Amino acid sequence: MNDFLTALALALVFEGLAYAAFPDGMKQMMLRVLATPPATLRVFDIAAAVLGVAVVAALRFAYFPA
């Protein structure tokens, strides 16, 4: 649970930094996201989730072998 909360906090840090550094760019990106079809968003979101799980698993096995 501690790892999950740490990851969630880190995601908030990165998102906050993006909005602080590029507020106009983030607004434009949100407009593009709203214009993107839901099916396209779903495919990219699933791919991002799978990639994230793969990276976490690879790091776990590399630094904490069973």
PDB file of N, CA and C in Angstrom:
ATOM      1  N   MET A   1       0.824  -1.193   0.000  1.00  0.00           N
ATOM      2  CA  MET A   1       0.000   0.000   0.000  1.00  0.00           C
ATOM      3  C   MET A   1       0.870   1.260   0.000  1.00  0.00           C
ATOM      4  N   ASN A   2       1.999   1.179   0.689  1.00  0.00           N
ATOM      5  CA  ASN A   2       2.911   2.312   0.753  1.00  0.00           C
ATOM      6  C   ASN A   2       3.436   2.665  -0.638  1.00  0.00           C
ATOM      7  N   ASP A   3       3.762   1.650  -1.436  1.00  0.00           N
ATOM      8  CA  ASP A   3       4.240   1.895  -2.802  1.00  0.00           C
ATOM      9  C   ASP A   3       3.161   2.558  -3.656  1.00  0.00           C
ATOM     10  N   PHE A   4       1.929   2.118  -3.480  1.00  0.00           N
ATOM     11  CA  PHE A   4       0.825   2.700  -4.249  1.00  0.00           C
ATOM     12  C   PHE A   4       0.643   4.178  -3.907  1.00  0.00           C
ATOM     13  N   LEU A   5       0.656   4.493  -2.644  1.00  0.00           N
ATOM     14  CA  LEU A   5       0.483   5.891  -2.232  1.00  0.00           C
ATOM     15  C   LEU A   5       1.661   6.755  -2.690  1.00  0.00           C
ATOM     16  N   THR A   6       2.855   6.196  -2.664  1.00  0.00           N
ATOM     17  CA  THR A   6       4.025   6.922  -3.159  1.00  0.00           C
ATOM     18  C   THR A   6       3.895   7.188  -4.657  1.00  0.00           C
ATOM     19  N   ALA A   7       3.457   6.195  -5.410  1.00  0.00           N
ATOM     20  CA  ALA A   7       3.269   6.364  -6.858  1.00  0.00           C
ATOM     21  C   ALA A   7       2.186   7.392  -7.147  1.00  0.00           C
ATOM     22  N   LEU A   8       1.117   7.368  -6.383  1.00  0.00           N
ATOM     23  CA  LEU A   8       0.044   8.337  -6.571  1.00  0.00           C
ATOM     24  C   LEU A   8       0.536   9.758  -6.281  1.00  0.00           C
ATOM     25  N   ALA A   9       1.293   9.912  -5.223  1.00  0.00           N
ATOM     26  CA  ALA A   9       1.843  11.227  -4.891  1.00  0.00           C
ATOM     27  C   ALA A   9       2.803  11.714  -5.972  1.00  0.00           C
ATOM     28  N   LEU A  10       3.622  10.824  -6.496  1.00  0.00           N
ATOM     29  CA  LEU A  10       4.559  11.195  -7.554  1.00  0.00           C
ATOM     30  C   LEU A  10       3.815  11.605  -8.826  1.00  0.00           C
ATOM     31  N   ALA A  11       2.730  10.920  -9.145  1.00  0.00           N
ATOM     32  CA  ALA A  11       1.923  11.298 -10.312  1.00  0.00           C
ATOM     33  C   ALA A  11       1.350  12.701 -10.117  1.00  0.00           C
ATOM     34  N   LEU A  12       0.905  13.020  -8.920  1.00  0.00           N
ATOM     35  CA  LEU A  12       0.390  14.354  -8.641  1.00  0.00           C
ATOM     36  C   LEU A  12       1.480  15.417  -8.770  1.00  0.00           C
ATOM     37  N   VAL A  13       2.690  15.073  -8.347  1.00  0.00           N
ATOM     38  CA  VAL A  13       3.811  16.009  -8.479  1.00  0.00           C
ATOM     39  C   VAL A  13       4.065  16.312  -9.954  1.00  0.00           C
ATOM     40  N   PHE A  14       4.154  15.275 -10.783  1.00  0.00           N
ATOM     41  CA  PHE A  14       4.420  15.487 -12.209  1.00  0.00           C
ATOM     42  C   PHE A  14       3.293  16.260 -12.880  1.00  0.00           C
ATOM     43  N   GLU A  15       2.052  15.937 -12.542  1.00  0.00           N
ATOM     44  CA  GLU A  15       0.934  16.658 -13.140  1.00  0.00           C
ATOM     45  C   GLU A  15       0.939  18.120 -12.697  1.00  0.00           C
ATOM     46  N   GLY A  16       1.198  18.359 -11.438  1.00  0.00           N
ATOM     47  CA  GLY A  16       1.256  19.731 -10.945  1.00  0.00           C
ATOM     48  C   GLY A  16       2.364  20.530 -11.605  1.00  0.00           C
ATOM     49  N   LEU A  17       3.516  19.904 -11.791  1.00  0.00           N
ATOM     50  CA  LEU A  17       4.620  20.585 -12.466  1.00  0.00           C
ATOM     51  C   LEU A  17       4.276  20.926 -13.911  1.00  0.00           C
ATOM     52  N   ALA A  18       3.598  20.017 -14.591  1.00  0.00           N
ATOM     53  CA  ALA A  18       3.218  20.261 -15.983  1.00  0.00           C
ATOM     54  C   ALA A  18       2.269  21.450 -16.082  1.00  0.00           C
ATOM     55  N   TYR A  19       1.276  21.509 -15.197  1.00  0.00           N
ATOM     56  CA  TYR A  19       0.335  22.628 -15.220  1.00  0.00           C
ATOM     57  C   TYR A  19       1.002  23.931 -14.799  1.00  0.00           C
ATOM     58  N   ALA A  20       1.947  23.874 -13.870  1.00  0.00           N
ATOM     59  CA  ALA A  20       2.638  25.085 -13.426  1.00  0.00           C
ATOM     60  C   ALA A  20       3.584  25.613 -14.504  1.00  0.00           C
ATOM     61  N   ALA A  21       4.263  24.717 -15.202  1.00  0.00           N
ATOM     62  CA  ALA A  21       5.248  25.132 -16.199  1.00  0.00           C
ATOM     63  C   ALA A  21       4.611  25.501 -17.540  1.00  0.00           C
ATOM     64  N   PHE A  22       3.543  24.817 -17.919  1.00  0.00           N
ATOM     65  CA  PHE A  22       2.940  25.012 -19.245  1.00  0.00           C
ATOM     66  C   PHE A  22       1.413  25.117 -19.155  1.00  0.00           C
ATOM     67  N   PRO A  23       0.879  26.134 -18.487  1.00  0.00           N
ATOM     68  CA  PRO A  23      -0.577  26.194 -18.326  1.00  0.00           C
ATOM     69  C   PRO A  23      -1.332  26.306 -19.655  1.00  0.00           C
ATOM     70  N   ASP A  24      -0.841  27.119 -20.573  1.00  0.00           N
ATOM     71  CA  ASP A  24      -1.534  27.245 -21.863  1.00  0.00           C
ATOM     72  C   ASP A  24      -1.421  25.963 -22.687  1.00  0.00           C
ATOM     73  N   GLY A  25      -0.255  25.338 -22.649  1.00  0.00           N
ATOM     74  CA  GLY A  25      -0.074  24.074 -23.357  1.00  0.00           C
ATOM     75  C   GLY A  25      -0.968  22.976 -22.810  1.00  0.00           C
ATOM     76  N   MET A  26      -1.156  22.948 -21.499  1.00  0.00           N
ATOM     77  CA  MET A  26      -2.022  21.927 -20.900  1.00  0.00           C
ATOM     78  C   MET A  26      -3.477  22.163 -21.292  1.00  0.00           C
ATOM     79  N   LYS A  27      -3.885  23.425 -21.376  1.00  0.00           N
ATOM     80  CA  LYS A  27      -5.251  23.724 -21.820  1.00  0.00           C
ATOM     81  C   LYS A  27      -5.460  23.257 -23.257  1.00  0.00           C
ATOM     82  N   GLN A  28      -4.472  23.527 -24.112  1.00  0.00           N
ATOM     83  CA  GLN A  28      -4.580  23.087 -25.512  1.00  0.00           C
ATOM     84  C   GLN A  28      -4.614  21.565 -25.605  1.00  0.00           C
ATOM     85  N   MET A  29      -3.815  20.899 -24.771  1.00  0.00           N
ATOM     86  CA  MET A  29      -3.811  19.446 -24.776  1.00  0.00           C
ATOM     87  C   MET A  29      -5.182  18.896 -24.356  1.00  0.00           C
ATOM     88  N   MET A  30      -5.792  19.516 -23.345  1.00  0.00           N
ATOM     89  CA  MET A  30      -7.110  19.056 -22.901  1.00  0.00           C
ATOM     90  C   MET A  30      -8.159  19.232 -24.007  1.00  0.00           C
ATOM     91  N   LEU A  31      -8.049  20.309 -24.765  1.00  0.00           N
ATOM     92  CA  LEU A  31      -8.970  20.499 -25.890  1.00  0.00           C
ATOM     93  C   LEU A  31      -8.786  19.401 -26.934  1.00  0.00           C
ATOM     94  N   ARG A  32      -7.533  19.015 -27.179  1.00  0.00           N
ATOM     95  CA  ARG A  32      -7.280  17.921 -28.130  1.00  0.00           C
ATOM     96  C   ARG A  32      -7.814  16.601 -27.592  1.00  0.00           C
ATOM     97  N   VAL A  33      -7.681  16.382 -26.287  1.00  0.00           N
ATOM     98  CA  VAL A  33      -8.195  15.144 -25.686  1.00  0.00           C
ATOM     99  C   VAL A  33      -9.714  15.090 -25.832  1.00  0.00           C
ATOM    100  N   LEU A  34     -10.385  16.220 -25.595  1.00  0.00           N
ATOM    101  CA  LEU A  34     -11.840  16.254 -25.742  1.00  0.00           C
ATOM    102  C   LEU A  34     -12.281  15.960 -27.173  1.00  0.00           C
ATOM    103  N   ALA A  35     -11.454  16.311 -28.155  1.00  0.00           N
ATOM    104  CA  ALA A  35     -11.792  16.081 -29.558  1.00  0.00           C
ATOM    105  C   ALA A  35     -11.440  14.670 -30.033  1.00  0.00           C
ATOM    106  N   THR A  36     -10.704  13.920 -29.230  1.00  0.00           N
ATOM    107  CA  THR A  36     -10.276  12.570 -29.608  1.00  0.00           C
ATOM    108  C   THR A  36     -11.407  11.574 -29.358  1.00  0.00           C
ATOM    109  N   PRO A  37     -11.659  10.679 -30.304  1.00  0.00           N
ATOM    110  CA  PRO A  37     -12.720   9.678 -30.111  1.00  0.00           C
ATOM    111  C   PRO A  37     -12.437   8.787 -28.892  1.00  0.00           C
ATOM    112  N   PRO A  38     -13.490   8.383 -28.172  1.00  0.00           N
ATOM    113  CA  PRO A  38     -13.306   7.550 -26.978  1.00  0.00           C
ATOM    114  C   PRO A  38     -12.559   6.248 -27.248  1.00  0.00           C
ATOM    115  N   ALA A  39     -12.781   5.634 -28.388  1.00  0.00           N
ATOM    116  CA  ALA A  39     -12.104   4.370 -28.698  1.00  0.00           C
ATOM    117  C   ALA A  39     -10.593   4.569 -28.790  1.00  0.00           C
ATOM    118  N   THR A  40     -10.168   5.672 -29.365  1.00  0.00           N
ATOM    119  CA  THR A  40      -8.739   5.965 -29.470  1.00  0.00           C
ATOM    120  C   THR A  40      -8.144   6.198 -28.094  1.00  0.00           C
ATOM    121  N   LEU A  41      -8.850   6.960 -27.269  1.00  0.00           N
ATOM    122  CA  LEU A  41      -8.374   7.192 -25.899  1.00  0.00           C
ATOM    123  C   LEU A  41      -8.261   5.876 -25.133  1.00  0.00           C
ATOM    124  N   ARG A  42      -9.241   5.010 -25.314  1.00  0.00           N
ATOM    125  CA  ARG A  42      -9.251   3.734 -24.597  1.00  0.00           C
ATOM    126  C   ARG A  42      -8.031   2.888 -24.979  1.00  0.00           C
ATOM    127  N   VAL A  43      -7.720   2.825 -26.270  1.00  0.00           N
ATOM    128  CA  VAL A  43      -6.581   2.023 -26.734  1.00  0.00           C
ATOM    129  C   VAL A  43      -5.278   2.562 -26.150  1.00  0.00           C
ATOM    130  N   PHE A  44      -5.083   3.878 -26.216  1.00  0.00           N
ATOM    131  CA  PHE A  44      -3.845   4.462 -25.699  1.00  0.00           C
ATOM    132  C   PHE A  44      -3.762   4.352 -24.178  1.00  0.00           C
ATOM    133  N   ASP A  45      -4.892   4.470 -23.484  1.00  0.00           N
ATOM    134  CA  ASP A  45      -4.883   4.348 -22.026  1.00  0.00           C
ATOM    135  C   ASP A  45      -4.569   2.919 -21.578  1.00  0.00           C
ATOM    136  N   ILE A  46      -5.123   1.950 -22.278  1.00  0.00           N
ATOM    137  CA  ILE A  46      -4.817   0.556 -21.949  1.00  0.00           C
ATOM    138  C   ILE A  46      -3.350   0.266 -22.227  1.00  0.00           C
ATOM    139  N   ALA A  47      -2.843   0.767 -23.346  1.00  0.00           N
ATOM    140  CA  ALA A  47      -1.427   0.570 -23.673  1.00  0.00           C
ATOM    141  C   ALA A  47      -0.528   1.218 -22.618  1.00  0.00           C
ATOM    142  N   ALA A  48      -0.883   2.412 -22.165  1.00  0.00           N
ATOM    143  CA  ALA A  48      -0.094   3.090 -21.133  1.00  0.00           C
ATOM    144  C   ALA A  48      -0.135   2.309 -19.820  1.00  0.00           C
ATOM    145  N   ALA A  49      -1.290   1.775 -19.464  1.00  0.00           N
ATOM    146  CA  ALA A  49      -1.412   0.994 -18.236  1.00  0.00           C
ATOM    147  C   ALA A  49      -0.571  -0.285 -18.312  1.00  0.00           C
ATOM    148  N   VAL A  50      -0.634  -0.969 -19.450  1.00  0.00           N
ATOM    149  CA  VAL A  50       0.156  -2.196 -19.620  1.00  0.00           C
ATOM    150  C   VAL A  50       1.649  -1.879 -19.580  1.00  0.00           C
ATOM    151  N   LEU A  51       2.050  -0.805 -20.238  1.00  0.00           N
ATOM    152  CA  LEU A  51       3.454  -0.406 -20.209  1.00  0.00           C
ATOM    153  C   LEU A  51       3.891  -0.065 -18.778  1.00  0.00           C
ATOM    154  N   GLY A  52       3.051   0.637 -18.049  1.00  0.00           N
ATOM    155  CA  GLY A  52       3.367   0.978 -16.658  1.00  0.00           C
ATOM    156  C   GLY A  52       3.545  -0.258 -15.785  1.00  0.00           C
ATOM    157  N   VAL A  53       2.651  -1.213 -15.933  1.00  0.00           N
ATOM    158  CA  VAL A  53       2.763  -2.459 -15.158  1.00  0.00           C
ATOM    159  C   VAL A  53       4.036  -3.204 -15.543  1.00  0.00           C
ATOM    160  N   ALA A  54       4.363  -3.218 -16.830  1.00  0.00           N
ATOM    161  CA  ALA A  54       5.575  -3.904 -17.286  1.00  0.00           C
ATOM    162  C   ALA A  54       6.831  -3.249 -16.717  1.00  0.00           C
ATOM    163  N   VAL A  55       6.862  -1.927 -16.687  1.00  0.00           N
ATOM    164  CA  VAL A  55       8.029  -1.222 -16.142  1.00  0.00           C
ATOM    165  C   VAL A  55       8.164  -1.490 -14.652  1.00  0.00           C
ATOM    166  N   VAL A  56       7.056  -1.431 -13.929  1.00  0.00           N
ATOM    167  CA  VAL A  56       7.109  -1.713 -12.484  1.00  0.00           C
ATOM    168  C   VAL A  56       7.576  -3.150 -12.249  1.00  0.00           C
ATOM    169  N   ALA A  57       7.049  -4.094 -13.011  1.00  0.00           N
ATOM    170  CA  ALA A  57       7.454  -5.488 -12.843  1.00  0.00           C
ATOM    171  C   ALA A  57       8.940  -5.656 -13.164  1.00  0.00           C
ATOM    172  N   ALA A  58       9.405  -5.030 -14.221  1.00  0.00           N
ATOM    173  CA  ALA A  58      10.818  -5.142 -14.591  1.00  0.00           C
ATOM    174  C   ALA A  58      11.702  -4.548 -13.495  1.00  0.00           C
ATOM    175  N   LEU A  59      11.304  -3.418 -12.948  1.00  0.00           N
ATOM    176  CA  LEU A  59      12.095  -2.817 -11.875  1.00  0.00           C
ATOM    177  C   LEU A  59      12.075  -3.679 -10.621  1.00  0.00           C
ATOM    178  N   ARG A  60      10.938  -4.250 -10.307  1.00  0.00           N
ATOM    179  CA  ARG A  60      10.836  -5.132  -9.127  1.00  0.00           C
ATOM    180  C   ARG A  60      11.769  -6.337  -9.273  1.00  0.00           C
ATOM    181  N   PHE A  61      11.738  -6.963 -10.456  1.00  0.00           N
ATOM    182  CA  PHE A  61      12.563  -8.149 -10.659  1.00  0.00           C
ATOM    183  C   PHE A  61      14.054  -7.797 -10.740  1.00  0.00           C
ATOM    184  N   ALA A  62      14.363  -6.604 -11.233  1.00  0.00           N
ATOM    185  CA  ALA A  62      15.761  -6.208 -11.363  1.00  0.00           C
ATOM    186  C   ALA A  62      16.369  -5.865 -10.015  1.00  0.00           C
ATOM    187  N   TYR A  63      15.596  -5.192  -9.164  1.00  0.00           N
ATOM    188  CA  TYR A  63      16.155  -4.729  -7.895  1.00  0.00           C
ATOM    189  C   TYR A  63      15.775  -5.590  -6.708  1.00  0.00           C
ATOM    190  N   PHE A  64      14.718  -6.392  -6.838  1.00  0.00           N
ATOM    191  CA  PHE A  64      14.280  -7.259  -5.743  1.00  0.00           C
ATOM    192  C   PHE A  64      14.005  -8.654  -6.269  1.00  0.00           C
ATOM    193  N   PRO A  65      15.049  -9.369  -6.710  1.00  0.00           N
ATOM    194  CA  PRO A  65      14.804 -10.717  -7.259  1.00  0.00           C
ATOM    195  C   PRO A  65      14.254 -11.665  -6.192  1.00  0.00           C
ATOM    196  N   ALA A  66      13.434 -12.579  -6.648  1.00  0.00           N
ATOM    197  CA  ALA A  66      12.793 -13.520  -5.718  1.00  0.00           C
ATOM    198  C   ALA A  66      13.743 -14.557  -5.207  1.00  0.00           C
TER     199      ALA A  66
END
